[in-house]
Amino acid sequence: MTPSIASALALTLVIEVPIVALSYPGERFRLAGACAVATSVTNLVMNAWLSRASGSYDIYLLGSEIGASLIEAVVYVAVSRGHGVGTALVASGLANAASFAAGLIAF
């Protein structure tokens, strides 16, 4: 893992995990763990794929972020108890939007 990929992952986790945890009262620890795992996987796969993508980086980045948001939302639905798809989509969308914005600023 290159330093830039490690930095991107660390920034993403620092931003996304608290947002997702706060979105699930009563399940904060479980969803924080699920977020950390799901986000690590999607972030590393996305960065590996983007490093090999040709053409418009922006289009691939946007598509990857949407895909990551949906995959992470599926994980949140599977792990949470008593929360539905709506909560998962909002939590994942907010978390990914915040980390995307932070990444634009940082990198």
C-alpha atoms as a PDB file:
ATOM      1  CA  MET A   1       0.000   0.000   0.000  1.00  0.00           C
ATOM      2  CA  THR A   2       1.460   3.336  -1.023  1.00  0.00           C
ATOM      3  CA  PRO A   3       1.582   6.240   1.428  1.00  0.00           C
ATOM      4  CA  SER A   4      -1.013   8.175  -0.577  1.00  0.00           C
ATOM      5  CA  ILE A   5      -3.459   5.258  -0.524  1.00  0.00           C
ATOM      6  CA  ALA A   6      -2.857   4.749   3.192  1.00  0.00           C
ATOM      7  CA  SER A   7      -3.461   8.469   3.797  1.00  0.00           C
ATOM      8  CA  ALA A   8      -6.647   8.399   1.749  1.00  0.00           C
ATOM      9  CA  LEU A   9      -7.913   5.383   3.686  1.00  0.00           C
ATOM     10  CA  ALA A  10      -7.068   6.947   7.046  1.00  0.00           C
ATOM     11  CA  LEU A  11      -8.814  10.207   6.152  1.00  0.00           C
ATOM     12  CA  THR A  12     -11.833   8.300   4.878  1.00  0.00           C
ATOM     13  CA  LEU A  13     -12.125   6.246   8.062  1.00  0.00           C
ATOM     14  CA  VAL A  14     -11.691   9.266  10.336  1.00  0.00           C
ATOM     15  CA  ILE A  15     -14.555  11.005   8.532  1.00  0.00           C
ATOM     16  CA  GLU A  16     -16.957   8.145   7.758  1.00  0.00           C
ATOM     17  CA  VAL A  17     -16.910   5.977  10.889  1.00  0.00           C
ATOM     18  CA  PRO A  18     -18.207   8.676  13.277  1.00  0.00           C
ATOM     19  CA  ILE A  19     -20.915   9.776  10.836  1.00  0.00           C
ATOM     20  CA  VAL A  20     -22.221   6.239  10.411  1.00  0.00           C
ATOM     21  CA  ALA A  21     -21.976   5.503  14.141  1.00  0.00           C
ATOM     22  CA  LEU A  22     -23.981   8.639  14.962  1.00  0.00           C
ATOM     23  CA  SER A  23     -26.640   7.591  12.456  1.00  0.00           C
ATOM     24  CA  TYR A  24     -27.437   4.446  14.454  1.00  0.00           C
ATOM     25  CA  PRO A  25     -28.392   5.218  18.062  1.00  0.00           C
ATOM     26  CA  GLY A  26     -28.142   2.104  20.203  1.00  0.00           C
ATOM     27  CA  GLU A  27     -25.947   0.375  17.627  1.00  0.00           C
ATOM     28  CA  ARG A  28     -23.034   2.763  17.405  1.00  0.00           C
ATOM     29  CA  PHE A  29     -20.260   0.242  18.107  1.00  0.00           C
ATOM     30  CA  ARG A  30     -21.639  -2.432  15.799  1.00  0.00           C
ATOM     31  CA  LEU A  31     -22.131   0.009  12.933  1.00  0.00           C
ATOM     32  CA  ALA A  32     -18.785   1.713  13.553  1.00  0.00           C
ATOM     33  CA  GLY A  33     -17.121  -1.666  13.119  1.00  0.00           C
ATOM     34  CA  ALA A  34     -19.182  -2.504  10.051  1.00  0.00           C
ATOM     35  CA  CYS A  35     -18.357   0.884   8.581  1.00  0.00           C
ATOM     36  CA  ALA A  36     -14.642   0.482   9.243  1.00  0.00           C
ATOM     37  CA  VAL A  37     -14.568  -2.900   7.496  1.00  0.00           C
ATOM     38  CA  ALA A  38     -16.849  -2.012   4.575  1.00  0.00           C
ATOM     39  CA  THR A  39     -15.193   1.347   3.998  1.00  0.00           C
ATOM     40  CA  SER A  40     -11.699  -0.151   4.118  1.00  0.00           C
ATOM     41  CA  VAL A  41     -12.624  -2.709   1.483  1.00  0.00           C
ATOM     42  CA  THR A  42     -14.440  -0.300  -0.836  1.00  0.00           C
ATOM     43  CA  ASN A  43     -11.769   2.379  -0.448  1.00  0.00           C
ATOM     44  CA  LEU A  44      -8.856   0.061  -1.184  1.00  0.00           C
ATOM     45  CA  VAL A  45     -10.617  -1.578  -4.140  1.00  0.00           C
ATOM     46  CA  MET A  46     -11.654   1.810  -5.509  1.00  0.00           C
ATOM     47  CA  ASN A  47      -8.150   3.253  -5.217  1.00  0.00           C
ATOM     48  CA  ALA A  48      -6.577   0.180  -6.813  1.00  0.00           C
ATOM     49  CA  TRP A  49      -9.086   0.351  -9.667  1.00  0.00           C
ATOM     50  CA  LEU A  50      -8.768   4.115 -10.145  1.00  0.00           C
ATOM     51  CA  SER A  51      -4.993   3.852 -10.353  1.00  0.00           C
ATOM     52  CA  ARG A  52      -5.469   1.696 -13.449  1.00  0.00           C
ATOM     53  CA  ALA A  53      -8.444   3.524 -14.988  1.00  0.00           C
ATOM     54  CA  SER A  54      -7.961   5.257 -18.286  1.00  0.00           C
ATOM     55  CA  GLY A  55      -9.979   8.137 -19.635  1.00  0.00           C
ATOM     56  CA  SER A  56     -11.800  10.646 -17.478  1.00  0.00           C
ATOM     57  CA  TYR A  57     -10.703  10.182 -13.884  1.00  0.00           C
ATOM     58  CA  ASP A  58     -13.609  12.335 -12.661  1.00  0.00           C
ATOM     59  CA  ILE A  59     -16.247  10.060 -14.201  1.00  0.00           C
ATOM     60  CA  TYR A  60     -14.610   6.954 -12.725  1.00  0.00           C
ATOM     61  CA  LEU A  61     -14.280   8.660  -9.345  1.00  0.00           C
ATOM     62  CA  LEU A  62     -17.928   9.691  -9.246  1.00  0.00           C
ATOM     63  CA  GLY A  63     -19.084   6.237 -10.317  1.00  0.00           C
ATOM     64  CA  SER A  64     -16.831   4.602  -7.746  1.00  0.00           C
ATOM     65  CA  GLU A  65     -18.136   6.816  -4.953  1.00  0.00           C
ATOM     66  CA  ILE A  66     -21.736   6.005  -5.838  1.00  0.00           C
ATOM     67  CA  GLY A  67     -20.907   2.311  -5.988  1.00  0.00           C
ATOM     68  CA  ALA A  68     -19.091   2.435  -2.646  1.00  0.00           C
ATOM     69  CA  SER A  69     -22.041   4.248  -1.054  1.00  0.00           C
ATOM     70  CA  LEU A  70     -24.453   1.581  -2.235  1.00  0.00           C
ATOM     71  CA  ILE A  71     -22.242  -1.332  -1.178  1.00  0.00           C
ATOM     72  CA  GLU A  72     -21.690   0.205   2.249  1.00  0.00           C
ATOM     73  CA  ALA A  73     -25.431   0.853   2.648  1.00  0.00           C
ATOM     74  CA  VAL A  74     -26.112  -2.834   1.947  1.00  0.00           C
ATOM     75  CA  VAL A  75     -23.645  -3.751   4.708  1.00  0.00           C
ATOM     76  CA  TYR A  76     -25.360  -1.364   7.144  1.00  0.00           C
ATOM     77  CA  VAL A  77     -28.777  -2.871   6.393  1.00  0.00           C
ATOM     78  CA  ALA A  78     -27.375  -6.367   6.945  1.00  0.00           C
ATOM     79  CA  VAL A  79     -25.682  -5.485  10.248  1.00  0.00           C
ATOM     80  CA  SER A  80     -28.194  -3.120  11.848  1.00  0.00           C
ATOM     81  CA  ARG A  81     -31.186  -4.161  13.885  1.00  0.00           C
ATOM     82  CA  GLY A  82     -34.435  -2.289  13.416  1.00  0.00           C
ATOM     83  CA  HIS A  83     -33.138   0.225  10.892  1.00  0.00           C
ATOM     84  CA  GLY A  84     -34.110   0.087   7.275  1.00  0.00           C
ATOM     85  CA  VAL A  85     -32.739   0.913   3.885  1.00  0.00           C
ATOM     86  CA  GLY A  86     -33.490   4.618   4.285  1.00  0.00           C
ATOM     87  CA  THR A  87     -31.244   5.006   7.310  1.00  0.00           C
ATOM     88  CA  ALA A  88     -28.487   3.046   5.591  1.00  0.00           C
ATOM     89  CA  LEU A  89     -28.662   5.146   2.421  1.00  0.00           C
ATOM     90  CA  VAL A  90     -28.647   8.421   4.354  1.00  0.00           C
ATOM     91  CA  ALA A  91     -25.783   7.336   6.629  1.00  0.00           C
ATOM     92  CA  SER A  92     -23.711   6.038   3.744  1.00  0.00           C
ATOM     93  CA  GLY A  93     -24.515   9.010   1.523  1.00  0.00           C
ATOM     94  CA  LEU A  94     -23.607  11.560   4.185  1.00  0.00           C
ATOM     95  CA  ALA A  95     -20.444   9.719   5.174  1.00  0.00           C
ATOM     96  CA  ASN A  96     -19.244   9.302   1.593  1.00  0.00           C
ATOM     97  CA  ALA A  97     -20.097  12.884   0.637  1.00  0.00           C
ATOM     98  CA  ALA A  98     -18.178  14.209   3.645  1.00  0.00           C
ATOM     99  CA  SER A  99     -15.114  12.058   2.991  1.00  0.00           C
ATOM    100  CA  PHE A 100     -15.237  12.859  -0.728  1.00  0.00           C
ATOM    101  CA  ALA A 101     -15.224  16.590   0.073  1.00  0.00           C
ATOM    102  CA  ALA A 102     -12.396  16.125   2.579  1.00  0.00           C
ATOM    103  CA  GLY A 103     -10.428  14.217  -0.046  1.00  0.00           C
ATOM    104  CA  LEU A 104     -10.857  17.006  -2.565  1.00  0.00           C
ATOM    105  CA  ILE A 105      -9.509  19.461  -0.021  1.00  0.00           C
ATOM    106  CA  ALA A 106      -6.663  17.249   1.208  1.00  0.00           C
ATOM    107  CA  PHE A 107      -5.492  15.803  -2.080  1.00  0.00           C
END
